[in-house]
Structures are given as structure tokens and as C-alpha cells.
Amino acid sequence: MKARLWALNNVESYAAIWGKLMGIPAEVPLNWFHRSRTRVDGIDDSVVFDEQKTIDLYYRHALIKQKLNAADFMDRSFSAVFDGASGP
């Protein structure tokens, strides 16, 4: 959660890092981050489903090299911290 909060409070730095990792100009993620309604929240089935859609999109467009299963790396144990309340 600390990393996500840092990203939300340091959008330009996060966009530069994200762009470098993805091999795209920082302006692309920066535009997306400014337009998105990102929030910190618990992980449930709907979150896993949405993440899987993103993974599939990235895989389809060769932004990632192997197909991943979102459920395999999403840790639901942190969800108890939120008790249904959303973060920023």
C-alpha cells in the first residue's frame, strides 16, 4: 500500500519509471495516470477480473512476453486492512 500511495503522490516520477520499464515515452503513462481514477482498496474477484483484462491486453499487444494469471500473484490478505473503505 505504501508503494501505491507513493505513486499517487509522485505521478511524474512514477510515470517516468513506468514508461522506462514498458519502453514507451513517459507522457503516455503520465496522461493515463492523470485521467485515471486510481484508488487504494482491497482485492476481491472484481479486482482480479479487471487486472486479468489488463494483463490480457498487454499480452495481446506484446507489451509482456508471457500470459499471466492475475489470481496467481494478487494477495487478498491485505484486503482485511480496508474493511470495505476506499483509500485516496
Protein backbone atom coordinates (compact mmCIF):
# COMPACT_ATOMS: atom_id res chain seq x y z
CA MET A 1 0.00 0.00 0.00
CA LYS A 2 2.89 2.38 0.70
CA ALA A 3 4.14 1.97 -2.87
CA ARG A 4 0.72 2.74 -4.32
CA LEU A 5 0.34 5.82 -2.13
CA TRP A 6 3.80 6.98 -3.21
CA ALA A 7 2.80 6.55 -6.86
CA LEU A 8 -0.39 8.56 -6.33
CA ASN A 9 1.58 11.38 -4.70
CA ASN A 10 4.53 11.30 -7.16
CA VAL A 11 2.78 10.92 -10.50
CA GLU A 12 5.54 12.37 -12.68
CA SER A 13 8.26 10.19 -11.14
CA TYR A 14 6.07 7.11 -11.30
CA ALA A 15 5.20 7.78 -14.95
CA ALA A 16 8.89 8.12 -15.82
CA ILE A 17 9.71 4.79 -14.16
CA TRP A 18 6.67 3.04 -15.63
CA GLY A 19 7.40 4.39 -19.11
CA LYS A 20 11.02 3.26 -18.93
CA LEU A 21 10.00 -0.25 -17.81
CA MET A 22 7.44 -0.52 -20.63
CA GLY A 23 9.74 1.05 -23.24
CA ILE A 24 7.35 3.90 -24.03
CA PRO A 25 7.56 7.69 -23.59
CA ALA A 26 6.74 8.86 -20.04
CA GLU A 27 4.00 11.08 -21.48
CA VAL A 28 1.85 8.01 -22.20
CA PRO A 29 1.56 6.74 -18.61
CA LEU A 30 1.53 10.32 -17.31
CA ASN A 31 -1.55 11.07 -19.40
CA TRP A 32 -3.18 7.85 -18.23
CA PHE A 33 -2.34 8.47 -14.55
CA HIS A 34 -3.81 11.96 -14.69
CA ARG A 35 -7.02 10.69 -16.29
CA SER A 36 -7.50 7.55 -14.23
CA ARG A 37 -9.42 7.38 -11.00
CA THR A 38 -6.88 5.25 -9.14
CA ARG A 39 -7.63 4.37 -5.55
CA VAL A 40 -6.18 2.09 -2.91
CA ASP A 41 -8.63 -0.63 -1.95
CA GLY A 42 -8.88 -4.31 -1.06
CA ILE A 43 -8.68 -7.11 -3.61
CA ASP A 44 -11.82 -9.05 -4.48
CA ASP A 45 -12.99 -11.05 -7.51
CA SER A 46 -13.84 -7.88 -9.47
CA VAL A 47 -10.32 -6.52 -8.98
CA VAL A 48 -8.75 -9.80 -10.11
CA PHE A 49 -11.06 -9.82 -13.16
CA ASP A 50 -10.09 -6.25 -14.10
CA GLU A 51 -6.39 -6.99 -13.66
CA GLN A 52 -6.74 -10.06 -15.86
CA LYS A 53 -8.27 -7.92 -18.60
CA THR A 54 -5.27 -5.58 -18.41
CA ILE A 55 -2.81 -8.49 -18.47
CA ASP A 56 -4.57 -9.98 -21.49
CA LEU A 57 -4.48 -6.62 -23.30
CA TYR A 58 -0.75 -6.20 -22.62
CA TYR A 59 -0.06 -9.76 -23.74
CA ARG A 60 -2.13 -9.36 -26.92
CA HIS A 61 -0.11 -6.27 -27.86
CA ALA A 62 3.25 -7.86 -26.91
CA LEU A 63 3.89 -5.47 -24.01
CA ILE A 64 4.52 -8.55 -21.88
CA LYS A 65 6.04 -11.74 -23.27
CA GLN A 66 4.09 -14.41 -21.40
CA LYS A 67 0.47 -14.83 -20.47
CA LEU A 68 -0.06 -14.42 -16.74
CA ASN A 69 -2.90 -15.36 -14.42
CA ALA A 70 -3.77 -12.38 -12.19
CA ALA A 71 -5.08 -14.63 -9.40
CA ASP A 72 -1.63 -16.23 -9.10
CA PHE A 73 0.08 -13.06 -7.88
CA MET A 74 -2.63 -10.95 -6.25
CA ASP A 75 -2.51 -11.12 -2.45
CA ARG A 76 -6.00 -10.88 -0.99
CA SER A 77 -4.69 -10.97 2.58
CA PHE A 78 -4.26 -7.18 2.57
CA SER A 79 -7.98 -6.69 1.94
CA ALA A 80 -8.74 -7.05 5.64
CA VAL A 81 -6.91 -3.75 6.26
CA PHE A 82 -9.55 -1.84 4.35
CA ASP A 83 -12.77 -3.21 5.91
CA GLY A 84 -14.58 -2.06 2.77
CA ALA A 85 -13.27 1.53 2.90
CA SER A 86 -11.51 3.01 -0.12
CA GLY A 87 -8.29 4.95 0.07
CA PRO A 88 -7.44 8.15 -1.84
